[in-house]
Amino acid sequence: MLRPFGSPNRRISCILSLLLVVVAARPAFSADDRFDPVRQRIERAIADTNLPSIAVAVAHEGKIVWEEGFGWADRENRVPASEHTLYSLASISKPITATGLMILVERGVIDLDKPIDDYLGEAKLRARVGDAAEATVRRVANHTAGLPLHYQFFYENESYRPPTRDETIRRYANLVSAPGERYQYSNLGFGLLDYVIERAAEQPYADFMRKEVFLPLDMTHTSVDVGPGLEPHQAIRYTPEGKRIPFYEFDHPGASAVYSSAHDLVRFAMFHLKEHLGDQKAILSDAAIDQMQQETVSSPGGGYGIGWGTFKNKRGYDCVQHTGGMPGVSTVCRLVPGERLAVVALANSRSGLPFRLADMITDIMLPEQERSENNGKPESDDEATSDAPFAPSAELIGTWQGELVTHRGDAPLRLVVKDSGDVHVRVGRQLWTLLNDVSFRDGYLRGRFASEIDYEDHRGRDYLVHLELKLSDATLSGPAVTHTQPDAWGSSAVTHWVQLERKQ
């Protein structure tokens, strides 16, 4: 609850500050009263919560019909948000990186169907299962190469810095499923792609993206990280409680490191709608744009192409989209190609509001149409079965023994599945502990447990180990993902490997 203002002068000062935000944020494209319900929703959220700011942009039939910023890009320095404020995009970086990749594909420098190892340096992928030669550039770009879950943040107020790219590959680039076998979202994969771009183009990834993507598309408020001269325009990242987050870097910049404004990002979306704007160069052919949006694999709730996700919304429209979320970031960029519609919503804090706004705007812009029973819903029945108690079959019951394999060394791991459904796990000489949230679906034994293994990756933070072990004959094998417990800023996840055999 807001405290009452104090003196009359303080009340006037606060009112003037609020008016400054509203007036400064009003751009040229803000007169359309169709969007008044969206504005009211945003203004209410900023007034009632710790949400610092949101910027939105909408383009339809080749024109920007609305773009506007609300709230503070930088609360402490009283910098209002606008449609030109640079927001950290998180995973919307992926279709942007994929655009750079496709430029090199069309130039014949990179072949999507060659092994990504052909374009890497000294360090190569390690196939825990399958064949690394089958981990093609295309499969890395659509998350089916077998690379694991991965995200790491390196804060400027900490001593830990991102490892070299070759070192990241040596530590974490393990194929934990056979290439082409399944969809597994991987930031690490797009970290490999920015490295491939850098090596193939013979220039830094950030420089290539600026010269070959941002400037030709007239995206002057877009950069990898915050480019020189753009610092005054950036939106500071904040926690949901309103605390300022120190600037951070990644060991997967191609997945997460791009900053852009709502204005620039909606123009990027218009390029991918093939609007052929007069002040944008045709950096890709229409055929290449189509290829990026072509669903090549099913993912939860939709599909995935090259850097873009695909889905059918609740009104039956085919959508192309990417969202982003990480400490201090919530973003969405949605295209409805058949209707020539693009919607962007960017926030500098973790919030579900940008995603709800994208739905509201889409509904405002597009009429209701006949819906199929499954529009906008994943076909999986996992939700219906996720709460069922774990009842192990005979092939699981017993003692399993093997190793937890990490880049720092291996540790013995034992797992006992009891007919009662309890599962006990032990790493090295640690005490036995229960595996929690156990399930067995689609041939995978899943669960999580606390461990006290001290790896530099965790930087002294508490963490849980999440197992996803595939049953095959008398073996259980798969990734062991160490998720640090959320701290003041967020959490991280790196993946190791577990190989177990059944013991009589």
Protein backbone atom coordinates (compact mmCIF):
# COMPACT_ATOMS: atom_id res chain seq x y z
CA MET A 1 0.00 0.00 0.00
CA LEU A 2 1.24 3.54 -0.79
CA ARG A 3 1.88 5.76 2.20
CA PRO A 4 0.03 9.11 2.26
CA PHE A 5 2.07 12.00 0.92
CA GLY A 6 3.45 14.40 3.53
CA SER A 7 3.47 18.15 3.03
CA PRO A 8 1.58 19.98 0.23
CA ASN A 9 4.91 20.73 -1.47
CA ARG A 10 5.79 17.03 -1.40
CA ARG A 11 2.38 16.19 -2.89
CA ILE A 12 2.87 18.70 -5.71
CA SER A 13 6.41 17.41 -6.37
CA CYS A 14 5.22 13.81 -6.63
CA ILE A 15 2.30 14.75 -8.90
CA LEU A 16 4.63 16.66 -11.20
CA SER A 17 7.00 13.68 -11.32
CA LEU A 18 4.15 11.39 -12.34
CA LEU A 19 3.02 13.85 -15.00
CA LEU A 20 6.58 13.99 -16.34
CA VAL A 21 6.54 10.23 -16.88
CA VAL A 22 3.20 10.31 -18.69
CA VAL A 23 3.98 13.32 -20.87
CA ALA A 24 7.56 12.33 -21.72
CA ALA A 25 6.45 8.85 -22.69
CA ARG A 26 3.72 9.96 -25.13
CA PRO A 27 5.03 9.37 -28.66
CA ALA A 28 3.64 10.27 -32.07
CA PHE A 29 1.81 6.95 -32.45
CA SER A 30 -0.35 7.09 -29.31
CA ALA A 31 -3.64 8.63 -30.44
CA ASP A 32 -5.56 5.43 -31.28
CA ASP A 33 -8.22 4.93 -28.62
CA ARG A 34 -8.49 1.22 -29.48
CA PHE A 35 -5.55 0.74 -27.14
CA ASP A 36 -7.00 2.65 -24.17
CA PRO A 37 -7.79 -0.58 -22.26
CA VAL A 38 -4.17 -1.65 -22.70
CA ARG A 39 -2.88 1.73 -21.52
CA GLN A 40 -5.13 1.57 -18.48
CA ARG A 41 -3.89 -1.92 -17.66
CA ILE A 42 -0.27 -0.76 -17.87
CA GLU A 43 -0.80 2.41 -15.85
CA ARG A 44 -2.66 0.46 -13.16
CA ALA A 45 0.14 -2.11 -12.92
CA ILE A 46 2.84 0.57 -12.63
CA ALA A 47 0.84 2.42 -9.96
CA ASP A 48 -0.06 -0.67 -7.92
CA THR A 49 3.11 -2.80 -8.18
CA ASN A 50 6.88 -2.48 -8.30
CA LEU A 51 6.90 -2.74 -12.10
CA PRO A 52 9.28 0.05 -13.21
CA SER A 53 8.27 0.39 -16.86
CA ILE A 54 6.85 -1.13 -20.02
CA ALA A 55 7.24 -0.13 -23.65
CA VAL A 56 4.91 -1.41 -26.36
CA ALA A 57 4.75 -1.17 -30.15
CA VAL A 58 2.21 -2.42 -32.69
CA ALA A 59 2.52 -2.57 -36.48
CA HIS A 60 -0.27 -3.52 -38.86
CA GLU A 61 -0.33 -3.73 -42.64
CA GLY A 62 3.06 -2.10 -43.05
CA LYS A 63 2.63 0.79 -40.60
CA ILE A 64 3.37 1.37 -36.92
CA VAL A 65 -0.04 2.11 -35.41
CA TRP A 66 1.02 2.49 -31.77
CA GLU A 67 4.26 2.77 -29.81
CA GLU A 68 4.56 4.13 -26.31
CA GLY A 69 6.58 3.90 -23.10
CA PHE A 70 5.27 3.97 -19.54
CA GLY A 71 7.03 4.39 -16.20
CA TRP A 72 10.73 4.72 -15.42
CA ALA A 73 13.57 3.25 -17.45
CA ASP A 74 15.85 4.28 -14.56
CA ARG A 75 14.01 5.01 -11.32
CA GLU A 76 16.95 6.38 -9.37
CA ASN A 77 17.89 8.92 -12.05
CA ARG A 78 14.29 9.67 -13.06
CA VAL A 79 14.72 8.65 -16.69
CA PRO A 80 11.28 7.98 -18.22
CA ALA A 81 10.70 5.05 -20.55
CA SER A 82 9.82 5.66 -24.18
CA GLU A 83 9.46 3.68 -27.38
CA HIS A 84 13.19 4.35 -27.96
CA THR A 85 14.40 3.04 -24.58
CA LEU A 86 16.80 0.08 -24.88
CA TYR A 87 15.47 -2.96 -23.05
CA SER A 88 17.36 -6.16 -22.38
CA LEU A 89 15.60 -8.70 -24.61
CA ALA A 90 16.72 -12.02 -23.08
CA SER A 91 15.69 -14.84 -25.45
CA ILE A 92 14.30 -12.57 -28.16
CA SER A 93 18.03 -12.40 -28.91
CA LYS A 94 17.61 -15.82 -30.54
CA PRO A 95 15.65 -14.83 -33.68
CA ILE A 96 17.95 -11.82 -33.99
CA THR A 97 21.05 -14.04 -33.83
CA ALA A 98 19.36 -16.44 -36.24
CA THR A 99 18.89 -13.56 -38.69
CA GLY A 100 22.64 -12.97 -38.63
CA LEU A 101 23.22 -16.70 -39.11
CA MET A 102 20.93 -16.81 -42.15
CA ILE A 103 22.82 -13.94 -43.78
CA LEU A 104 25.93 -16.12 -43.75
CA VAL A 105 23.90 -19.12 -44.94
CA GLU A 106 22.63 -17.17 -47.95
CA ARG A 107 26.17 -16.06 -48.72
CA GLY A 108 27.28 -19.68 -48.78
CA VAL A 109 29.62 -19.27 -45.81
CA ILE A 110 27.64 -21.60 -43.52
CA ASP A 111 25.67 -24.74 -44.42
CA LEU A 112 22.74 -25.39 -42.08
CA ASP A 113 23.01 -29.13 -42.61
CA LYS A 114 26.70 -29.53 -41.81
CA PRO A 115 27.89 -30.47 -38.30
CA ILE A 116 28.30 -27.45 -36.10
CA ASP A 117 31.69 -28.89 -35.13
CA ASP A 118 32.87 -27.93 -38.63
CA TYR A 119 32.54 -24.26 -37.64
CA LEU A 120 33.85 -24.41 -34.07
CA GLY A 121 37.41 -23.91 -32.88
CA GLU A 122 39.66 -26.23 -30.93
CA ALA A 123 36.90 -27.38 -28.57
CA LYS A 124 34.19 -29.64 -30.02
CA LEU A 125 30.92 -31.18 -28.86
CA ARG A 126 31.09 -34.30 -26.73
CA ALA A 127 28.44 -36.89 -27.56
CA ARG A 128 27.36 -38.64 -24.36
CA VAL A 129 24.80 -40.30 -26.61
CA GLY A 130 24.37 -40.32 -30.38
CA ASP A 131 26.84 -38.97 -32.93
CA ALA A 132 28.19 -35.41 -32.74
CA ALA A 133 28.36 -35.33 -36.55
CA GLU A 134 24.55 -35.36 -36.54
CA ALA A 135 24.43 -32.18 -34.44
CA THR A 136 24.01 -29.88 -37.42
CA VAL A 137 23.78 -26.10 -37.41
CA ARG A 138 20.06 -26.42 -38.22
CA ARG A 139 19.47 -28.74 -35.27
CA VAL A 140 21.30 -26.37 -32.94
CA ALA A 141 19.09 -23.54 -34.24
CA ASN A 142 15.85 -25.48 -33.62
CA HIS A 143 16.92 -26.97 -30.26
CA THR A 144 17.11 -30.61 -31.41
CA ALA A 145 20.89 -31.08 -31.46
CA GLY A 146 20.85 -32.75 -28.03
CA LEU A 147 22.48 -29.84 -26.17
CA PRO A 148 21.35 -29.35 -22.57
CA LEU A 149 19.53 -26.78 -20.50
CA HIS A 150 21.95 -24.00 -19.61
CA TYR A 151 21.93 -20.43 -18.35
CA GLN A 152 24.56 -18.48 -16.45
CA PHE A 153 24.75 -14.83 -15.43
CA PHE A 154 28.00 -13.06 -14.53
CA TYR A 155 27.30 -9.91 -12.48
CA GLU A 156 29.61 -6.91 -12.63
CA ASN A 157 29.84 -6.77 -8.83
CA GLU A 158 31.19 -10.35 -8.64
CA SER A 159 34.67 -11.65 -9.38
CA TYR A 160 33.41 -14.47 -11.61
CA ARG A 161 33.74 -13.74 -15.32
CA PRO A 162 32.50 -15.70 -18.33
CA PRO A 163 34.95 -18.40 -19.42
CA THR A 164 36.36 -18.34 -22.93
CA ARG A 165 34.06 -19.81 -25.53
CA ASP A 166 36.28 -22.86 -26.03
CA GLU A 167 36.30 -23.42 -22.29
CA THR A 168 32.50 -23.16 -22.14
CA ILE A 169 32.30 -25.79 -24.90
CA ARG A 170 34.73 -28.09 -23.09
CA ARG A 171 32.79 -27.81 -19.84
CA TYR A 172 29.17 -27.91 -20.94
CA ALA A 173 28.70 -28.78 -24.63
CA ASN A 174 27.66 -32.37 -24.00
CA LEU A 175 24.98 -33.99 -26.12
CA VAL A 176 22.59 -35.40 -23.53
CA SER A 177 20.19 -36.81 -26.12
CA ALA A 178 20.82 -38.10 -29.61
CA PRO A 179 20.66 -35.35 -32.27
CA GLY A 180 17.18 -35.15 -33.78
CA GLU A 181 15.62 -37.28 -31.04
CA ARG A 182 13.81 -34.59 -29.06
CA TYR A 183 13.31 -30.88 -28.51
CA GLN A 184 15.43 -29.48 -25.65
CA TYR A 185 15.54 -25.69 -25.30
CA SER A 186 19.19 -24.70 -24.97
CA ASN A 187 20.72 -21.27 -24.46
CA LEU A 188 24.07 -22.97 -24.88
CA GLY A 189 23.13 -23.83 -28.48
CA PHE A 190 22.60 -20.19 -29.40
CA GLY A 191 25.83 -19.38 -27.57
CA LEU A 192 27.49 -21.73 -30.03
CA LEU A 193 25.75 -20.01 -32.94
CA ASP A 194 27.08 -16.56 -32.06
CA TYR A 195 30.55 -18.13 -31.88
CA VAL A 196 29.99 -19.72 -35.31
CA ILE A 197 28.96 -16.32 -36.70
CA GLU A 198 32.05 -14.72 -35.20
CA ARG A 199 34.42 -17.32 -36.62
CA ALA A 200 32.77 -17.51 -40.06
CA ALA A 201 32.54 -13.72 -40.44
CA GLU A 202 36.06 -13.20 -39.03
CA GLN A 203 34.89 -10.38 -36.80
CA PRO A 204 33.34 -10.07 -33.34
CA TYR A 205 29.72 -11.17 -33.13
CA ALA A 206 28.61 -7.74 -31.84
CA ASP A 207 30.33 -5.96 -34.74
CA PHE A 208 28.85 -8.31 -37.33
CA MET A 209 25.35 -7.87 -35.95
CA ARG A 210 25.67 -4.08 -35.91
CA LYS A 211 27.03 -3.86 -39.47
CA GLU A 212 24.98 -6.60 -41.12
CA VAL A 213 21.67 -6.58 -39.20
CA PHE A 214 21.04 -3.52 -37.04
CA LEU A 215 22.26 -0.70 -39.29
CA PRO A 216 20.80 -2.09 -42.55
CA LEU A 217 17.43 -2.44 -40.83
CA ASP A 218 17.75 1.09 -39.39
CA MET A 219 17.74 -0.27 -35.82
CA THR A 220 19.75 2.56 -34.29
CA HIS A 221 18.74 1.75 -30.70
CA THR A 222 19.75 -1.92 -30.83
CA SER A 223 23.04 -3.55 -29.87
CA VAL A 224 24.66 -6.61 -28.34
CA ASP A 225 24.82 -5.59 -24.68
CA VAL A 226 24.64 -1.77 -24.42
CA GLY A 227 26.68 -0.32 -27.25
CA PRO A 228 28.88 2.79 -26.97
CA GLY A 229 26.81 5.96 -26.79
CA LEU A 230 23.59 4.10 -25.97
CA GLU A 231 24.12 3.99 -22.20
CA PRO A 232 21.79 6.94 -21.42
CA HIS A 233 18.95 5.16 -23.23
CA GLN A 234 19.05 1.79 -21.44
CA ALA A 235 16.35 0.46 -19.13
CA ILE A 236 17.89 -0.67 -15.85
CA ARG A 237 16.95 -4.19 -14.79
CA TYR A 238 15.06 -4.47 -11.48
CA THR A 239 13.94 -7.31 -9.24
CA PRO A 240 10.19 -7.84 -8.67
CA GLU A 241 10.73 -6.14 -5.31
CA GLY A 242 12.09 -3.04 -7.04
CA LYS A 243 15.79 -3.55 -6.31
CA ARG A 244 18.29 -2.45 -8.95
CA ILE A 245 20.16 -5.41 -10.48
CA PRO A 246 23.86 -5.05 -11.33
CA PHE A 247 24.68 -5.32 -15.02
CA TYR A 248 25.44 -8.91 -16.05
CA GLU A 249 26.95 -10.87 -18.91
CA PHE A 250 26.60 -14.45 -20.21
CA ASP A 251 28.54 -17.37 -21.59
CA HIS A 252 25.75 -17.56 -24.23
CA PRO A 253 25.42 -14.01 -25.65
CA GLY A 254 23.73 -15.13 -28.88
CA ALA A 255 20.90 -16.49 -26.77
CA SER A 256 20.41 -13.57 -24.41
CA ALA A 257 22.58 -10.46 -24.79
CA VAL A 258 20.77 -8.21 -27.31
CA TYR A 259 19.24 -4.90 -26.24
CA SER A 260 16.62 -3.13 -28.36
CA SER A 261 13.83 -0.59 -28.18
CA ALA A 262 10.16 -1.25 -28.82
CA HIS A 263 10.42 0.92 -31.93
CA ASP A 264 13.41 -0.98 -33.34
CA LEU A 265 12.05 -4.39 -32.42
CA VAL A 266 8.69 -3.85 -34.08
CA ARG A 267 10.58 -2.77 -37.22
CA PHE A 268 12.63 -5.96 -36.98
CA ALA A 269 9.32 -7.82 -36.77
CA MET A 270 8.04 -5.93 -39.82
CA PHE A 271 11.11 -7.05 -41.75
CA HIS A 272 10.23 -10.63 -40.83
CA LEU A 273 6.68 -9.96 -42.04
CA LYS A 274 8.29 -9.12 -45.41
CA GLU A 275 6.96 -5.56 -45.41
CA HIS A 276 9.95 -4.30 -47.47
CA LEU A 277 10.16 -0.90 -45.79
CA GLY A 278 11.90 1.76 -47.87
CA ASP A 279 14.56 2.54 -45.25
CA GLN A 280 15.47 -1.12 -44.68
CA LYS A 281 17.83 -3.16 -46.80
CA ALA A 282 16.85 -6.68 -47.88
CA ILE A 283 19.44 -8.45 -45.75
CA LEU A 284 17.59 -11.76 -46.27
CA SER A 285 15.51 -13.12 -49.11
CA ASP A 286 11.82 -13.76 -48.51
CA ALA A 287 12.59 -17.47 -48.89
CA ALA A 288 15.08 -17.30 -46.01
CA ILE A 289 12.50 -15.51 -43.84
CA ASP A 290 9.99 -18.25 -44.64
CA GLN A 291 12.55 -20.90 -43.76
CA MET A 292 13.11 -19.33 -40.32
CA GLN A 293 9.37 -19.42 -39.61
CA GLN A 294 8.81 -22.93 -40.93
CA GLU A 295 8.06 -25.27 -38.04
CA THR A 296 10.61 -28.10 -38.10
CA VAL A 297 10.02 -29.59 -34.66
CA SER A 298 7.21 -29.72 -32.13
CA SER A 299 7.79 -27.93 -28.85
CA PRO A 300 5.55 -27.50 -25.80
CA GLY A 301 2.47 -25.63 -26.96
CA GLY A 302 3.62 -25.22 -30.56
CA GLY A 303 6.69 -25.64 -32.71
CA TYR A 304 10.08 -24.14 -33.53
CA GLY A 305 11.81 -23.11 -36.74
CA ILE A 306 15.16 -21.32 -36.98
CA GLY A 307 15.18 -18.93 -34.03
CA TRP A 308 11.39 -18.46 -34.01
CA GLY A 309 8.68 -20.31 -32.12
CA THR A 310 5.32 -21.04 -33.75
CA PHE A 311 1.86 -21.59 -32.31
CA LYS A 312 -1.83 -21.14 -32.99
CA ASN A 313 -3.45 -18.65 -30.64
CA LYS A 314 -6.81 -18.99 -28.88
CA ARG A 315 -8.63 -17.37 -31.80
CA GLY A 316 -7.08 -19.74 -34.32
CA TYR A 317 -4.45 -17.44 -35.85
CA ASP A 318 -1.04 -18.83 -36.79
CA CYS A 319 1.56 -16.90 -34.81
CA VAL A 320 5.34 -16.62 -34.92
CA GLN A 321 6.85 -15.50 -31.64
CA HIS A 322 9.70 -15.40 -29.22
CA THR A 323 9.55 -14.39 -25.59
CA GLY A 324 12.27 -13.59 -23.10
CA GLY A 325 12.65 -13.89 -19.36
CA MET A 326 15.61 -13.60 -16.98
CA PRO A 327 16.53 -11.44 -13.95
CA GLY A 328 15.01 -8.03 -14.58
CA VAL A 329 13.56 -8.92 -17.99
CA SER A 330 10.18 -9.92 -19.44
CA THR A 331 9.69 -9.50 -23.19
CA VAL A 332 7.55 -10.68 -26.08
CA CYS A 333 7.76 -10.18 -29.85
CA ARG A 334 4.81 -11.66 -31.76
CA LEU A 335 4.10 -11.84 -35.49
CA VAL A 336 0.83 -12.87 -37.11
CA PRO A 337 2.08 -13.19 -40.70
CA GLY A 338 -1.29 -13.90 -42.28
CA GLU A 339 -2.66 -10.64 -40.86
CA ARG A 340 0.51 -8.52 -41.24
CA LEU A 341 0.46 -7.84 -37.51
CA ALA A 342 3.43 -7.39 -35.15
CA VAL A 343 3.19 -6.82 -31.39
CA VAL A 344 6.05 -5.97 -29.00
CA ALA A 345 5.93 -5.56 -25.21
CA LEU A 346 9.08 -5.04 -23.13
CA ALA A 347 9.51 -4.72 -19.34
CA ASN A 348 12.58 -4.18 -17.16
CA SER A 349 11.46 -6.54 -14.40
CA ARG A 350 10.11 -10.07 -14.17
CA SER A 351 6.39 -9.84 -14.83
CA GLY A 352 3.68 -11.73 -16.65
CA LEU A 353 2.17 -8.46 -17.87
CA PRO A 354 3.98 -8.20 -21.26
CA PHE A 355 2.59 -11.58 -22.28
CA ARG A 356 -0.95 -10.65 -21.24
CA LEU A 357 -0.62 -7.36 -23.09
CA ALA A 358 0.43 -9.16 -26.27
CA ASP A 359 -2.74 -11.24 -26.01
CA MET A 360 -4.89 -8.17 -25.36
CA ILE A 361 -3.44 -6.29 -28.32
CA THR A 362 -3.76 -9.29 -30.62
CA ASP A 363 -7.41 -9.64 -29.65
CA ILE A 364 -8.02 -5.92 -30.25
CA MET A 365 -6.43 -6.07 -33.70
CA LEU A 366 -7.86 -9.35 -34.96
CA PRO A 367 -11.49 -10.48 -35.06
CA GLU A 368 -12.82 -13.63 -33.52
CA GLN A 369 -12.80 -16.56 -35.93
CA GLU A 370 -13.84 -20.19 -35.83
CA ARG A 371 -11.71 -22.12 -33.38
CA SER A 372 -10.69 -25.74 -33.30
CA GLU A 373 -10.89 -27.62 -30.00
CA ASN A 374 -7.12 -27.46 -29.45
CA ASN A 375 -6.33 -23.88 -30.56
CA GLY A 376 -3.67 -22.38 -28.33
CA LYS A 377 -3.29 -25.52 -26.23
CA PRO A 378 -0.43 -28.02 -26.15
CA GLU A 379 -1.40 -31.47 -27.28
CA SER A 380 0.54 -33.14 -24.47
CA ASP A 381 -1.44 -34.69 -21.63
CA ASP A 382 1.40 -34.13 -19.14
CA GLU A 383 -0.74 -31.77 -17.05
CA ALA A 384 -3.32 -34.49 -16.53
CA THR A 385 -0.75 -37.02 -15.40
CA SER A 386 1.80 -34.89 -13.54
CA ASP A 387 0.06 -35.26 -10.15
CA ALA A 388 -0.24 -39.05 -10.30
CA PRO A 389 1.75 -40.78 -7.51
CA PHE A 390 4.96 -42.46 -8.63
CA ALA A 391 4.42 -46.22 -8.87
CA PRO A 392 7.62 -47.83 -10.16
CA SER A 393 7.49 -50.80 -12.50
CA ALA A 394 9.62 -53.89 -11.97
CA GLU A 395 12.18 -52.67 -14.50
CA LEU A 396 12.93 -49.65 -12.29
CA ILE A 397 12.85 -51.23 -8.83
CA GLY A 398 16.30 -52.03 -7.47
CA THR A 399 19.74 -50.53 -7.02
CA TRP A 400 21.45 -48.48 -9.71
CA GLN A 401 25.10 -47.55 -9.56
CA GLY A 402 27.41 -45.41 -11.67
CA GLU A 403 28.85 -41.92 -11.90
CA LEU A 404 28.00 -38.26 -11.96
CA VAL A 405 30.33 -36.86 -14.63
CA THR A 406 31.36 -33.18 -14.53
CA HIS A 407 34.11 -31.08 -16.07
CA ARG A 408 35.80 -30.99 -12.64
CA GLY A 409 35.83 -34.76 -12.23
CA ASP A 410 33.55 -37.71 -11.60
CA ALA A 411 31.74 -38.75 -8.44
CA PRO A 412 30.11 -42.11 -7.61
CA LEU A 413 26.33 -41.97 -7.65
CA ARG A 414 23.94 -44.63 -6.34
CA LEU A 415 20.18 -44.65 -6.69
CA VAL A 416 17.75 -47.07 -5.04
CA VAL A 417 14.17 -47.34 -6.31
CA LYS A 418 11.88 -49.03 -3.78
CA ASP A 419 8.61 -50.71 -4.61
CA SER A 420 6.88 -48.22 -2.28
CA GLY A 421 7.79 -45.46 -4.72
CA ASP A 422 10.50 -43.93 -2.54
CA VAL A 423 13.74 -43.23 -4.36
CA HIS A 424 16.98 -42.72 -2.43
CA VAL A 425 20.11 -41.18 -3.93
CA ARG A 426 23.69 -40.83 -2.74
CA VAL A 427 26.58 -38.89 -4.28
CA GLY A 428 30.06 -39.95 -3.21
CA ARG A 429 30.25 -40.29 0.57
CA GLN A 430 27.42 -37.92 1.30
CA LEU A 431 24.42 -39.05 3.30
CA TRP A 432 21.58 -40.77 1.51
CA THR A 433 18.76 -38.41 0.58
CA LEU A 434 15.33 -38.69 -0.98
CA LEU A 435 14.73 -37.94 -4.63
CA ASN A 436 11.77 -35.55 -4.59
CA ASP A 437 9.01 -34.90 -7.14
CA VAL A 438 9.67 -38.27 -8.75
CA SER A 439 7.93 -39.20 -11.98
CA PHE A 440 8.38 -41.67 -14.82
CA ARG A 441 6.96 -40.60 -18.17
CA ASP A 442 7.95 -41.13 -21.77
CA GLY A 443 10.72 -43.48 -20.65
CA TYR A 444 12.41 -40.90 -18.38
CA LEU A 445 12.86 -41.04 -14.61
CA ARG A 446 12.75 -37.50 -13.25
CA GLY A 447 13.28 -36.00 -9.81
CA ARG A 448 15.44 -33.61 -7.82
CA PHE A 449 17.58 -33.73 -4.71
CA ALA A 450 19.88 -31.55 -2.62
CA SER A 451 23.62 -32.09 -2.90
CA GLU A 452 26.72 -30.61 -1.32
CA ILE A 453 29.15 -31.04 -4.20
CA ASP A 454 31.18 -27.83 -4.39
CA TYR A 455 31.71 -26.66 -7.97
CA GLU A 456 32.93 -23.22 -8.96
CA ASP A 457 29.92 -22.95 -11.29
CA HIS A 458 27.61 -22.52 -8.31
CA ARG A 459 29.65 -19.67 -6.78
CA GLY A 460 28.80 -20.69 -3.22
CA ARG A 461 25.03 -20.72 -3.81
CA ASP A 462 22.77 -23.54 -2.65
CA TYR A 463 21.44 -25.69 -5.44
CA LEU A 464 19.32 -28.70 -6.33
CA VAL A 465 20.24 -31.44 -8.77
CA HIS A 466 17.48 -32.25 -11.28
CA LEU A 467 17.74 -35.70 -12.86
CA GLU A 468 16.19 -36.73 -16.18
CA LEU A 469 17.38 -40.29 -16.77
CA LYS A 470 16.37 -42.35 -19.77
CA LEU A 471 15.69 -46.04 -19.14
CA SER A 472 17.28 -48.26 -21.76
CA ASP A 473 17.70 -51.98 -21.07
CA ALA A 474 19.62 -52.14 -17.79
CA THR A 475 20.89 -48.53 -17.81
CA LEU A 476 19.65 -45.17 -16.63
CA SER A 477 21.46 -42.23 -18.21
CA GLY A 478 20.88 -38.57 -18.86
CA PRO A 479 21.44 -35.02 -17.70
CA ALA A 480 21.89 -33.90 -14.12
CA VAL A 481 21.07 -30.19 -14.09
CA THR A 482 22.27 -28.20 -11.10
CA HIS A 483 19.83 -25.34 -10.49
CA THR A 484 21.06 -22.78 -7.99
CA GLN A 485 18.41 -21.62 -5.55
CA PRO A 486 17.15 -18.13 -6.45
CA ASP A 487 19.05 -15.38 -4.65
CA ALA A 488 18.57 -11.60 -4.73
CA TRP A 489 18.88 -11.54 -8.52
CA GLY A 490 17.95 -14.95 -9.90
CA SER A 491 19.32 -18.44 -10.45
CA SER A 492 21.51 -20.34 -12.89
CA ALA A 493 21.61 -23.84 -14.36
CA VAL A 494 24.43 -25.96 -15.75
CA THR A 495 24.23 -29.57 -16.88
CA HIS A 496 26.34 -32.62 -16.08
CA TRP A 497 25.95 -36.28 -17.05
CA VAL A 498 24.81 -39.37 -15.15
CA GLN A 499 25.39 -42.96 -16.25
CA LEU A 500 23.99 -45.78 -14.07
CA GLU A 501 23.74 -49.53 -14.40
CA ARG A 502 21.36 -51.78 -12.57
CA LYS A 503 22.94 -53.97 -9.85
CA GLN A 504 21.43 -57.21 -8.65
